[in-house]
Protein backbone atom coordinates (compact mmCIF):
# COMPACT_ATOMS: atom_id res chain seq x y z
CA MET A 1 0.04 -0.20 -0.29
CA THR A 2 1.56 3.61 -1.00
CA LYS A 3 0.56 6.62 0.15
CA GLN A 4 0.64 10.19 -2.31
CA ILE A 5 0.37 13.63 -2.47
CA VAL A 6 0.22 15.46 -5.27
CA LEU A 7 0.63 19.10 -5.71
CA LEU A 8 0.89 21.54 -8.70
CA SER A 9 3.23 23.72 -9.26
CA THR A 10 2.40 27.16 -10.94
CA LEU A 11 6.53 27.06 -11.52
CA ALA A 12 7.30 25.81 -15.26
CA LEU A 13 10.08 22.75 -15.01
CA LEU A 14 13.01 25.13 -16.71
CA VAL A 15 15.87 23.21 -18.05
CA ALA A 16 18.29 26.40 -17.41
CA GLY A 17 18.08 25.64 -13.75
CA CYS A 18 18.41 22.20 -13.87
CA GLY A 19 22.17 22.04 -14.12
CA GLY A 20 24.30 19.63 -16.28
CA GLN A 21 21.56 19.78 -19.41
CA SER A 22 22.63 19.28 -23.00
CA THR A 23 21.28 22.04 -25.80
CA GLN A 24 19.77 18.55 -26.77
CA GLU A 25 17.68 17.88 -23.78
CA LYS A 26 16.46 21.28 -23.43
CA ALA A 27 12.41 21.21 -24.02
CA THR A 28 10.84 23.01 -26.34
CA SER A 29 9.16 27.03 -25.44
CA GLU A 30 5.90 25.18 -25.88
CA GLU A 31 6.73 21.91 -23.66
CA THR A 32 8.58 24.14 -20.77
CA SER A 33 5.58 26.30 -20.67
CA LEU A 34 3.45 23.96 -19.03
CA PRO A 35 3.10 23.58 -15.43
CA SER A 36 4.86 21.19 -13.61
CA GLN A 37 3.36 18.75 -10.89
CA ALA A 38 4.87 17.39 -7.61
CA VAL A 39 4.15 14.20 -6.01
CA THR A 40 5.19 12.31 -3.53
CA VAL A 41 4.82 8.71 -2.41
CA TRP A 42 5.24 6.14 0.07
CA SER A 43 5.90 2.70 0.31
CA SER A 44 6.79 0.34 3.22
CA GLU A 45 10.63 0.53 1.95
CA THR A 46 10.64 3.53 -0.22
CA GLU A 47 10.12 7.36 -0.65
CA LEU A 48 9.30 8.52 -4.09
CA PHE A 49 9.02 12.33 -4.59
CA TYR A 50 9.32 13.50 -8.35
CA GLU A 51 8.52 16.62 -10.18
CA HIS A 52 7.85 17.00 -13.93
CA PRO A 53 5.76 19.08 -16.61
CA LEU A 54 2.37 18.23 -16.88
CA MET A 55 1.98 15.43 -20.79
CA VAL A 56 0.63 16.07 -23.90
CA GLY A 57 0.43 13.16 -26.12
CA GLY A 58 2.63 12.47 -28.84
CA ARG A 59 5.25 14.85 -27.48
CA LYS A 60 8.10 13.79 -25.01
CA SER A 61 8.06 15.47 -21.97
CA GLY A 62 10.32 17.63 -20.32
CA PRO A 63 12.54 16.14 -17.83
CA TRP A 64 10.85 14.63 -14.51
CA ALA A 65 13.39 14.26 -11.47
CA ILE A 66 12.81 11.42 -9.54
CA HIS A 67 14.41 11.24 -6.13
CA VAL A 68 14.42 7.89 -4.80
CA THR A 69 14.76 7.35 -0.97
CA GLN A 70 15.67 3.96 1.08
CA LEU A 71 13.27 4.63 3.83
CA GLU A 72 15.54 2.30 5.92
CA GLY A 73 18.43 5.18 7.14
CA PHE A 74 16.97 7.78 4.96
CA ARG A 75 19.52 7.33 1.91
CA PRO A 76 19.09 8.37 -1.54
CA VAL A 77 19.65 5.02 -4.23
CA ARG A 78 22.84 5.22 -5.83
CA GLU A 79 22.23 2.17 -8.24
CA GLY A 80 20.30 0.23 -9.85
CA SER A 81 17.45 1.37 -12.90
CA LEU A 82 14.06 3.06 -12.83
CA THR A 83 11.22 1.43 -15.20
CA LEU A 84 7.88 4.06 -15.77
CA ARG A 85 4.83 2.00 -16.31
CA PHE A 86 1.73 3.89 -17.88
CA ARG A 87 -0.43 0.92 -17.96
CA ARG A 88 -4.14 1.38 -20.32
CA PRO A 89 -7.69 0.64 -19.17
CA ASP A 90 -7.27 -2.11 -21.33
CA GLY A 91 -4.34 -3.93 -19.46
CA ALA A 92 -1.69 -2.93 -22.16
CA ALA A 93 0.76 -0.61 -20.92
CA TYR A 94 4.01 1.95 -22.12
CA VAL A 95 7.27 1.58 -20.67
CA HIS A 96 10.59 3.73 -19.89
CA ASN A 97 13.14 2.81 -18.75
CA SER A 98 16.39 4.78 -17.20
CA ASP A 99 19.60 2.85 -16.62
CA ALA A 100 20.67 4.41 -13.93
CA PRO A 101 20.54 7.53 -11.65
CA SER A 102 21.53 10.55 -13.13
CA ARG A 103 23.37 11.79 -10.06
CA PRO A 104 22.79 9.80 -6.71
CA GLY A 105 19.61 9.75 -5.73
CA ILE A 106 18.15 11.13 -8.58
CA PHE A 107 16.59 9.92 -11.91
CA THR A 108 16.23 11.84 -15.19
CA PRO A 109 13.57 10.50 -17.92
CA ARG A 110 11.55 11.61 -20.65
CA PRO A 111 9.17 9.56 -21.23
CA LYS A 112 6.93 10.01 -24.58
CA ILE A 113 2.80 8.59 -24.45
CA PRO A 114 1.68 8.49 -27.58
CA GLU A 115 -1.87 9.51 -26.89
CA ALA A 116 -3.99 11.65 -24.54
CA GLY A 117 -5.99 9.56 -21.71
CA THR A 118 -5.43 8.43 -18.40
CA PHE A 119 -2.58 5.93 -17.14
CA ARG A 120 -2.50 3.99 -14.16
CA LEU A 121 1.36 4.60 -13.02
CA PHE A 122 3.75 1.76 -11.72
CA VAL A 123 7.25 2.93 -10.84
CA ILE A 124 9.76 0.05 -10.51
CA VAL A 125 13.17 0.17 -9.02
CA ASP A 126 15.72 -2.39 -8.85
CA GLY A 127 18.74 -2.42 -8.06
CA ALA A 128 21.55 -3.48 -4.72
CA GLN A 129 19.65 -0.72 -2.08
CA VAL A 130 15.82 -1.53 -3.00
CA GLN A 131 13.89 -3.91 -5.24
CA ASP A 132 10.32 -2.56 -4.94
CA THR A 133 7.22 -1.90 -7.71
CA VAL A 134 5.23 1.83 -5.94
CA GLU A 135 1.28 2.22 -7.53
CA VAL A 136 2.04 6.04 -7.66
CA GLY A 137 -1.88 6.67 -9.31
CA ASP A 138 -3.51 7.76 -12.27
CA VAL A 139 -1.99 10.31 -14.78
CA THR A 140 -3.27 12.35 -17.04
CA VAL A 141 -2.37 12.91 -20.74
CA TYR A 142 -3.92 16.04 -22.32
CA GLU A 143 -4.96 16.54 -25.94
CA SER A 144 -3.32 19.75 -26.66
CA PRO A 145 -1.44 22.34 -24.33
CA SER A 146 -4.18 24.40 -24.17
CA ASP A 147 -5.78 21.55 -22.51
CA VAL A 148 -3.70 21.97 -19.45
CA PRO A 149 -5.35 23.11 -16.65
CA THR A 150 -3.77 26.50 -14.51
CA PRO A 151 -2.66 24.85 -11.20
CA ASP A 152 -3.82 27.06 -7.96
CA GLU A 153 -0.77 29.06 -5.93
CA SER A 154 0.15 26.37 -3.30
CA ALA A 155 -0.08 27.78 0.30
CA ALA A 156 3.38 28.54 1.74
CA GLU A 157 5.45 26.02 3.60
CA ILE A 158 8.38 25.36 4.72
CA SER A 159 11.11 24.15 2.20
CA TYR A 160 13.66 21.62 2.46
CA LEU A 161 15.59 19.46 -0.38
CA LYS A 162 16.43 16.25 -0.71
CA GLU A 163 19.95 16.62 -1.33
CA GLN A 164 19.92 18.79 1.89
CA GLN A 165 17.52 15.24 3.97
CA TRP A 166 20.35 12.79 1.95
CA ASP A 167 23.22 14.78 3.79
CA ALA A 168 21.92 15.37 7.43
CA SER A 169 20.39 12.62 9.79
CA PHE A 170 16.55 12.72 8.96
CA GLY A 171 13.48 10.27 9.18
CA ILE A 172 9.85 10.17 9.04
CA ALA A 173 7.45 8.10 10.38
CA GLU A 174 3.79 7.65 9.30
CA ALA A 175 0.89 8.24 11.82
CA GLN A 176 -1.28 5.46 12.67
CA GLU A 177 -4.12 4.22 14.25
CA ARG A 178 -2.71 2.22 17.88
CA SER A 179 -3.92 1.50 21.25
CA ILE A 180 -1.51 3.51 23.65
CA GLN A 181 -1.52 2.79 27.25
CA ARG A 182 -1.43 5.35 30.05
CA SER A 183 2.14 5.92 31.84
CA ILE A 184 3.84 8.29 34.24
CA GLU A 185 7.03 9.25 33.93
CA ALA A 186 9.81 7.89 36.26
CA PRO A 187 13.70 8.15 37.47
CA GLY A 188 14.88 5.04 38.81
CA THR A 189 18.07 3.28 39.79
CA ILE A 190 18.68 -0.04 38.43
CA GLU A 191 19.35 -2.68 41.53
CA PRO A 192 20.75 -6.38 42.26
CA VAL A 193 17.88 -8.63 42.58
CA ALA A 194 18.01 -10.53 46.29
CA GLY A 195 19.54 -13.13 46.19
CA GLN A 196 21.59 -12.42 42.99
CA HIS A 197 24.00 -10.47 44.32
CA ALA A 198 26.91 -11.51 47.32
CA LYS A 199 29.42 -9.83 49.54
CA VAL A 200 31.73 -12.12 50.89
CA SER A 201 33.74 -11.55 54.04
CA ALA A 202 36.23 -13.30 55.97
CA PRO A 203 35.12 -15.45 58.35
CA VAL A 204 38.77 -15.69 59.91
CA SER A 205 41.32 -13.21 60.23
CA GLY A 206 44.71 -14.91 58.59
CA LEU A 207 47.31 -14.36 55.31
CA THR A 208 46.70 -15.38 52.06
CA PRO A 209 49.43 -17.74 51.14
CA ALA A 210 50.44 -16.08 47.51
CA GLN A 211 51.14 -19.77 46.02
CA ALA A 212 47.82 -20.79 46.68
CA ASN A 213 45.61 -17.73 45.47
CA LEU A 214 47.75 -16.77 42.21
CA ASP A 215 44.67 -18.40 40.07
CA MET A 216 41.74 -16.56 41.84
CA PRO A 217 39.19 -15.14 40.51
CA ALA A 218 39.84 -11.40 39.20
CA PRO A 219 36.29 -8.62 38.26
CA GLY A 220 34.55 -9.63 35.41
CA ASP A 221 35.13 -13.39 36.13
CA ARG A 222 32.38 -16.05 35.71
CA VAL A 223 32.15 -18.21 39.12
CA ARG A 224 30.15 -21.31 39.90
CA GLU A 225 28.38 -21.31 43.24
CA GLY A 226 30.82 -23.53 45.62
CA GLN A 227 33.56 -22.17 43.43
CA THR A 228 36.98 -22.02 45.60
CA LEU A 229 37.73 -17.93 45.53
CA ALA A 230 40.38 -17.80 47.86
CA THR A 231 42.53 -19.90 50.37
CA LEU A 232 43.34 -18.47 54.14
CA SER A 233 45.90 -19.83 56.46
CA PRO A 234 44.38 -18.66 59.53
CA SER A 235 45.79 -16.49 62.45
CA GLY A 236 46.50 -18.51 66.08
CA GLY A 237 46.09 -17.54 69.42
CA GLU A 238 42.99 -18.28 71.69
CA GLY A 239 39.83 -18.56 70.02
CA SER A 240 40.90 -17.95 66.27
CA TYR A 241 39.60 -20.31 63.79
CA ALA A 242 42.77 -22.41 64.39
CA ASP A 243 42.25 -22.85 67.98
CA LEU A 244 38.15 -23.68 67.90
CA LYS A 245 39.25 -26.18 65.19
CA GLY A 246 41.86 -28.13 67.55
CA ARG A 247 39.83 -27.80 70.23
CA VAL A 248 36.75 -29.62 68.38
CA GLU A 249 38.98 -32.21 67.35
CA ARG A 250 40.48 -32.99 70.54
CA LEU A 251 36.90 -33.10 72.28
CA LYS A 252 35.60 -35.72 69.66
CA ARG A 253 38.54 -37.79 70.64
CA GLU A 254 37.73 -37.07 74.41
CA VAL A 255 33.39 -38.24 73.83
CA ARG A 256 34.64 -41.31 71.64
CA ARG A 257 37.12 -42.17 75.04
CA ALA A 258 34.39 -41.21 77.56
CA GLU A 259 31.72 -43.79 75.35
CA ARG A 260 33.69 -46.90 75.61
CA LEU A 261 34.54 -46.06 79.52
CA VAL A 262 31.06 -45.36 80.04
CA GLU A 263 30.28 -48.78 78.35
CA ALA A 264 33.04 -50.63 80.79
CA GLU A 265 30.97 -48.82 83.51
CA ALA A 266 33.98 -47.12 84.09
CA ILE A 267 32.87 -43.76 84.44
CA PRO A 268 29.59 -42.24 85.44
CA GLU A 269 27.27 -41.66 82.32
CA LYS A 270 27.28 -37.93 83.53
CA ARG A 271 30.86 -37.16 81.74
CA LEU A 272 29.80 -38.52 78.57
CA VAL A 273 27.18 -35.62 78.85
CA GLU A 274 29.32 -33.15 80.03
CA ALA A 275 32.34 -33.96 76.52
CA ARG A 276 29.16 -34.09 74.61
CA HIS A 277 28.06 -30.84 75.58
CA ASP A 278 31.84 -29.23 75.42
CA LEU A 279 31.85 -30.14 71.51
CA GLU A 280 28.49 -29.36 70.39
CA LEU A 281 29.69 -25.76 71.98
CA ALA A 282 32.78 -25.61 70.05
CA ARG A 283 31.41 -27.07 66.82
CA ALA A 284 28.44 -23.75 67.57
CA ALA A 285 31.91 -21.44 67.98
CA LEU A 286 33.50 -22.92 64.88
CA GLU A 287 30.51 -22.52 62.51
CA SER A 288 29.92 -19.35 63.60
CA MET A 289 33.10 -18.54 61.83
CA GLY A 290 32.22 -20.59 58.45
CA GLY A 291 33.68 -23.63 59.71
CA GLY A 292 32.60 -26.22 61.69
CA GLY A 293 33.83 -30.23 60.66
CA GLU A 294 30.95 -32.38 59.00
CA SER A 295 28.69 -29.23 59.00
CA SER A 296 30.73 -26.83 56.97
CA SER A 297 28.75 -23.74 56.01
CA PRO A 298 28.44 -22.35 52.52
CA LEU A 299 31.01 -19.69 52.58
CA ALA A 300 33.97 -22.15 53.34
CA SER A 301 35.23 -25.65 54.10
CA PRO A 302 38.45 -26.58 55.70
CA SER A 303 40.75 -27.65 53.19
CA SER A 304 42.87 -30.33 52.50
CA GLU A 305 45.69 -29.41 51.90
CA PRO A 306 49.01 -28.93 53.78
CA SER A 307 48.80 -25.87 55.58
CA THR A 308 52.25 -23.34 56.92
CA SER A 309 49.53 -21.86 59.54
CA SER A 310 50.62 -22.01 63.11
CA ALA A 311 47.62 -24.27 63.72
CA GLY A 312 47.87 -26.60 60.74
CA PHE A 313 44.91 -25.51 58.59
CA ASN A 314 43.93 -24.28 55.77
CA TYR A 315 40.86 -22.14 54.88
CA ASP A 316 39.11 -22.30 51.13
CA LEU A 317 36.42 -19.25 50.99
CA GLN A 318 33.64 -20.37 48.78
CA ALA A 319 31.11 -18.43 46.27
CA PRO A 320 27.66 -18.70 47.40
CA ILE A 321 25.92 -17.36 44.62
CA SER A 322 26.63 -18.55 40.50
CA GLY A 323 27.21 -14.99 39.01
CA ARG A 324 30.32 -12.33 37.73
CA VAL A 325 32.84 -10.77 40.25
CA GLN A 326 32.36 -7.37 40.51
CA GLU A 327 34.97 -6.44 43.09
CA ARG A 328 38.04 -8.20 44.66
CA HIS A 329 39.43 -6.78 47.83
CA LEU A 330 42.13 -9.36 47.71
CA ALA A 331 45.92 -9.51 47.15
CA PRO A 332 48.26 -13.01 47.22
CA GLY A 333 50.86 -13.17 50.29
CA SER A 334 47.88 -10.21 52.23
CA ARG A 335 46.95 -10.34 55.54
CA VAL A 336 43.22 -9.55 56.03
CA GLU A 337 40.69 -9.47 59.01
CA VAL A 338 37.78 -10.95 60.24
CA GLY A 339 34.75 -9.24 58.48
CA THR A 340 36.79 -7.91 55.79
CA VAL A 341 35.02 -8.47 52.39
CA LEU A 342 36.74 -9.83 50.15
CA TYR A 343 34.99 -10.17 46.79
CA THR A 344 31.41 -8.76 45.37
CA ILE A 345 29.40 -11.25 43.13
CA VAL A 346 26.86 -10.19 40.90
CA ASP A 347 24.49 -12.12 38.69
CA PRO A 348 23.47 -9.93 36.28
CA SER A 349 21.39 -12.26 34.18
CA ARG A 350 18.17 -10.21 35.93
CA VAL A 351 18.36 -6.59 37.16
CA TRP A 352 15.71 -4.81 39.32
CA ILE A 353 14.78 -0.68 38.50
CA ARG A 354 13.95 0.94 41.81
CA LEU A 355 11.33 3.64 40.52
CA ARG A 356 10.96 7.14 42.72
CA VAL A 357 7.43 7.96 41.93
CA SER A 358 5.73 11.00 42.40
CA ALA A 359 3.76 11.24 45.17
CA GLU A 360 0.92 13.10 42.90
CA HIS A 361 0.98 9.79 40.85
CA ALA A 362 0.77 7.25 43.83
CA ALA A 363 -3.03 6.34 44.14
CA ALA A 364 -2.56 5.20 39.84
CA VAL A 365 0.34 2.70 40.56
CA ASP A 366 -1.55 0.12 41.50
CA GLN A 367 -2.54 0.04 37.76
CA ALA A 368 0.86 -0.92 36.71
CA SER A 369 1.85 -3.22 34.95
CA GLY A 370 5.20 -3.22 33.48
CA ALA A 371 7.50 0.10 32.48
CA VAL A 372 9.89 0.97 29.51
CA PHE A 373 12.65 2.47 30.64
CA THR A 374 16.50 3.86 29.02
CA VAL A 375 19.57 4.03 30.40
CA GLU A 376 22.14 6.73 31.18
CA GLY A 377 24.74 6.84 27.94
CA SER A 378 22.06 4.76 25.61
CA SER A 379 18.97 5.75 23.84
CA GLN A 380 18.06 2.31 23.81
CA THR A 381 14.60 1.12 24.98
CA TYR A 382 14.54 -1.63 27.80
CA GLU A 383 11.53 -3.00 28.79
CA ALA A 384 10.65 -4.60 32.34
CA SER A 385 8.80 -7.86 32.68
CA ARG A 386 6.92 -7.44 35.95
CA VAL A 387 6.23 -5.42 38.77
CA VAL A 388 7.68 -6.40 42.24
CA SER A 389 6.60 -4.43 45.26
CA THR A 390 5.07 -1.11 45.25
CA GLY A 391 6.01 0.94 48.58
CA ALA A 392 3.25 0.92 51.42
CA ALA A 393 4.07 5.16 52.83
CA ILE A 394 5.27 7.86 50.90
CA ASP A 395 8.71 9.11 51.53
CA THR A 396 7.91 12.32 53.24
CA GLY A 397 11.79 13.95 52.43
CA THR A 398 11.12 13.16 48.51
CA ARG A 399 7.36 13.13 48.42
CA THR A 400 7.69 10.11 46.27
CA LEU A 401 7.29 6.16 46.23
CA PRO A 402 9.26 3.63 45.80
CA VAL A 403 8.19 0.69 43.02
CA ARG A 404 10.19 -2.14 42.24
CA LEU A 405 10.27 -3.97 38.84
CA GLU A 406 12.32 -7.05 37.03
CA ALA A 407 13.76 -6.86 33.93
CA PRO A 408 15.66 -9.81 32.18
CA ASN A 409 19.15 -8.09 31.51
CA PRO A 410 20.89 -11.70 28.94
CA ASP A 411 23.56 -9.34 27.92
CA GLY A 412 25.03 -8.15 31.19
CA ALA A 413 24.24 -4.08 29.44
CA LEU A 414 22.44 -2.73 32.45
CA LYS A 415 25.10 -2.23 35.13
CA ILE A 416 23.95 -2.22 38.71
CA GLY A 417 23.61 1.63 39.54
CA MET A 418 22.88 2.87 36.69
CA MET A 419 20.38 5.75 36.23
CA ALA A 420 17.21 4.89 34.40
CA ASP A 421 14.66 7.36 33.22
CA ALA A 422 11.50 4.96 32.98
CA ARG A 423 7.50 5.36 32.06
CA LEU A 424 5.15 3.07 34.32
CA LEU A 425 2.85 1.77 32.05
CA LEU A 426 -0.59 1.57 33.39
CA ASP A 427 -4.04 -1.29 32.49
CA ASP A 428 -5.55 1.99 31.37
CA THR A 429 -5.69 1.86 27.57
CA GLN A 430 -6.64 4.81 24.79
CA SER A 431 -6.94 4.52 21.34
CA GLY A 432 -5.92 7.03 18.57
CA VAL A 433 -3.75 8.53 15.82
CA ALA A 434 -0.31 7.97 17.70
CA ILE A 435 3.32 9.45 16.61
CA PRO A 436 6.62 8.54 17.95
CA ASN A 437 7.66 10.07 20.54
CA GLU A 438 10.76 11.56 18.59
CA ALA A 439 8.38 13.15 16.42
CA VAL A 440 7.02 15.77 18.91
CA GLN A 441 9.34 18.75 19.74
CA THR A 442 8.90 21.32 22.05
CA GLU A 443 8.87 25.23 20.54
CA ASP A 444 8.27 28.15 22.92
CA GLY A 445 6.47 25.37 25.69
CA GLN A 446 4.12 23.52 23.20
CA PRO A 447 3.97 20.63 21.43
CA VAL A 448 4.61 20.80 17.92
CA ALA A 449 5.39 18.09 14.96
CA TYR A 450 6.65 18.67 11.49
CA VAL A 451 4.08 17.02 8.99
CA GLU A 452 5.65 15.99 5.42
CA THR A 453 3.19 17.60 3.04
CA GLY A 454 5.52 16.83 -0.13
CA GLY A 455 9.26 15.35 -0.56
CA GLU A 456 10.48 18.59 -0.08
CA SER A 457 8.01 20.71 1.58
CA PHE A 458 6.70 21.01 5.39
CA GLU A 459 3.94 22.34 7.82
CA ARG A 460 4.75 22.84 11.25
CA ARG A 461 1.39 22.12 13.53
CA SER A 462 1.18 22.43 16.89
CA LEU A 463 -0.18 18.99 19.11
CA LYS A 464 -2.77 18.34 21.41
CA LEU A 465 -1.60 15.09 22.85
CA GLY A 466 -2.83 12.40 24.66
CA PRO A 467 -1.21 9.29 27.26
CA THR A 468 2.37 8.02 26.10
CA ASP A 469 3.69 5.01 26.27
CA GLY A 470 7.20 6.07 26.13
CA GLN A 471 8.00 4.78 22.91
CA PHE A 472 4.51 6.71 21.09
CA THR A 473 2.55 9.82 21.58
CA LEU A 474 -1.09 10.16 20.89
CA VAL A 475 -2.21 12.78 19.07
CA LYS A 476 -5.77 14.21 19.67
CA GLN A 477 -5.28 17.11 17.35
CA GLY A 478 -2.97 18.67 14.86
CA VAL A 479 -1.75 15.10 12.32
CA GLU A 480 -4.03 12.54 10.83
CA ALA A 481 -3.60 9.24 10.46
CA GLY A 482 -1.47 8.66 6.88
CA GLU A 483 0.97 11.36 7.48
CA HIS A 484 4.30 10.94 7.74
CA VAL A 485 6.13 13.14 10.51
CA VAL A 486 9.49 13.61 10.66
CA THR A 487 10.98 11.55 13.62
CA ALA A 488 15.12 12.50 12.81
CA GLY A 489 16.04 16.20 11.86
CA ALA A 490 13.01 18.39 13.17
CA TYR A 491 15.51 21.12 14.34
CA GLN A 492 17.12 21.91 10.73
CA VAL A 493 13.13 21.70 9.21
CA TYR A 494 12.78 24.24 12.13
CA LEU A 495 16.22 26.33 11.33
CA ALA A 496 14.79 25.85 6.90
CA SER A 497 11.46 27.89 8.06
CA LEU A 498 13.33 30.42 9.91
CA GLY A 499 15.19 31.04 6.31
CA SER A 500 18.28 30.34 8.61
CA SER A 501 21.87 30.84 7.25
CA GLU A 502 22.54 27.51 9.08
CA THR A 503 20.49 25.43 6.44
CA ALA A 504 22.51 24.51 3.72
CA GLY A 505 22.06 24.56 0.25
CA HIS A 506 19.79 27.28 -0.82
CA GLY A 507 19.05 26.46 -4.38
CA HIS A 508 17.62 23.25 -6.04
CA ALA A 509 19.47 22.48 -9.01
CA HIS A 510 18.72 18.87 -10.95
């Protein structure tokens, strides 16, 4: 399906204004006196904007100036052929072919139709960039120059030439009917998901033997749950890990001895109960440090490697979760104190976004179903998969309500601590004509958009806006469905509307 705009111009298509034409190519004075027609047509892949003199049967037309733009990237078609196919009502057709553009993006055919009538025009673009057939619409070929109508004066519009558009960052989008979720704008922060962020501390004081810690994980490395992060040689002394470990081993031997003596009725059973009690206390003290013999904690386990520590024990520090090492505060051969954070591990496959919703919107937060957001340093839009929690009270200092959402992060692009700009999507939806948010400009405090009324002509429209979902905004007034709005390059169109010297190229030479 194509969209078409046709404009009649009172300006003759003077060959003198289209530099580079040979004398042989100049049209007769009778041909050049004919008014010109400007047409803009869009398909899903291509924009065609062309100007040509109205045609008379049996006469070779003056040169057409057909601008062919690839919509993806909004770039001129630089190679390939262009075919004009004028189909008669009976199905037969007159065909005119141009093997290549006369200059990048511009084809200049001079078709001749031997008879008057109304023909259905198809433009066929065939090249490496674009392969497209665009149905332009009906074209009238007149019996004689006297039959050619005199066009109405066109309204004053903003002129911004195709050559300027191609040289700049430029883009357009079609206004379409959409259903838009109402949204609430809120700032936020990327946070780790609960249970997917761990700070691993030293459960004992001691040394980190150099040889045993040469291959310890570095920041950015992936680690798995239970993987050894570092080996510690606990310090000796009363109450130390080594001291408690030795005490547990001694008490285990005493319990076994007491069991044998009780069985032989050599000592009262009370002595066995006391020995078992002392062993349990020692084990509990050892487990509080992360050790514990048969019931070691998830943070560490006794190492079977030989030790140079005074008590004869080494201690393996283990990863409590799988993820990536975010921080490491440990160097081989250094001394660490109990409680010192040695590693920070994060599983970044999922993250939380903690939003701070203004108190004036707090009542609507219960309708939230998700969010879209961007983060600092990037224009990419991300989507939150679900609402995790909603605060029960307004922060009296900031007058905001905390809302947490969860988002997938498979490529790790979302970093913990990043600032985010989000739109909290509500269940409430409205339907109507919508345009991309990039098309909405603010001038003098009012929303406006620039509408492409022709390939090189634009109008500035004041807008009355409805809700937005962060990507599209409903337009209640100012733009109609099917019209094309400028999404990139609106500032250049604005400068063109002022006749600013900052806009390059004030002539139009084909």
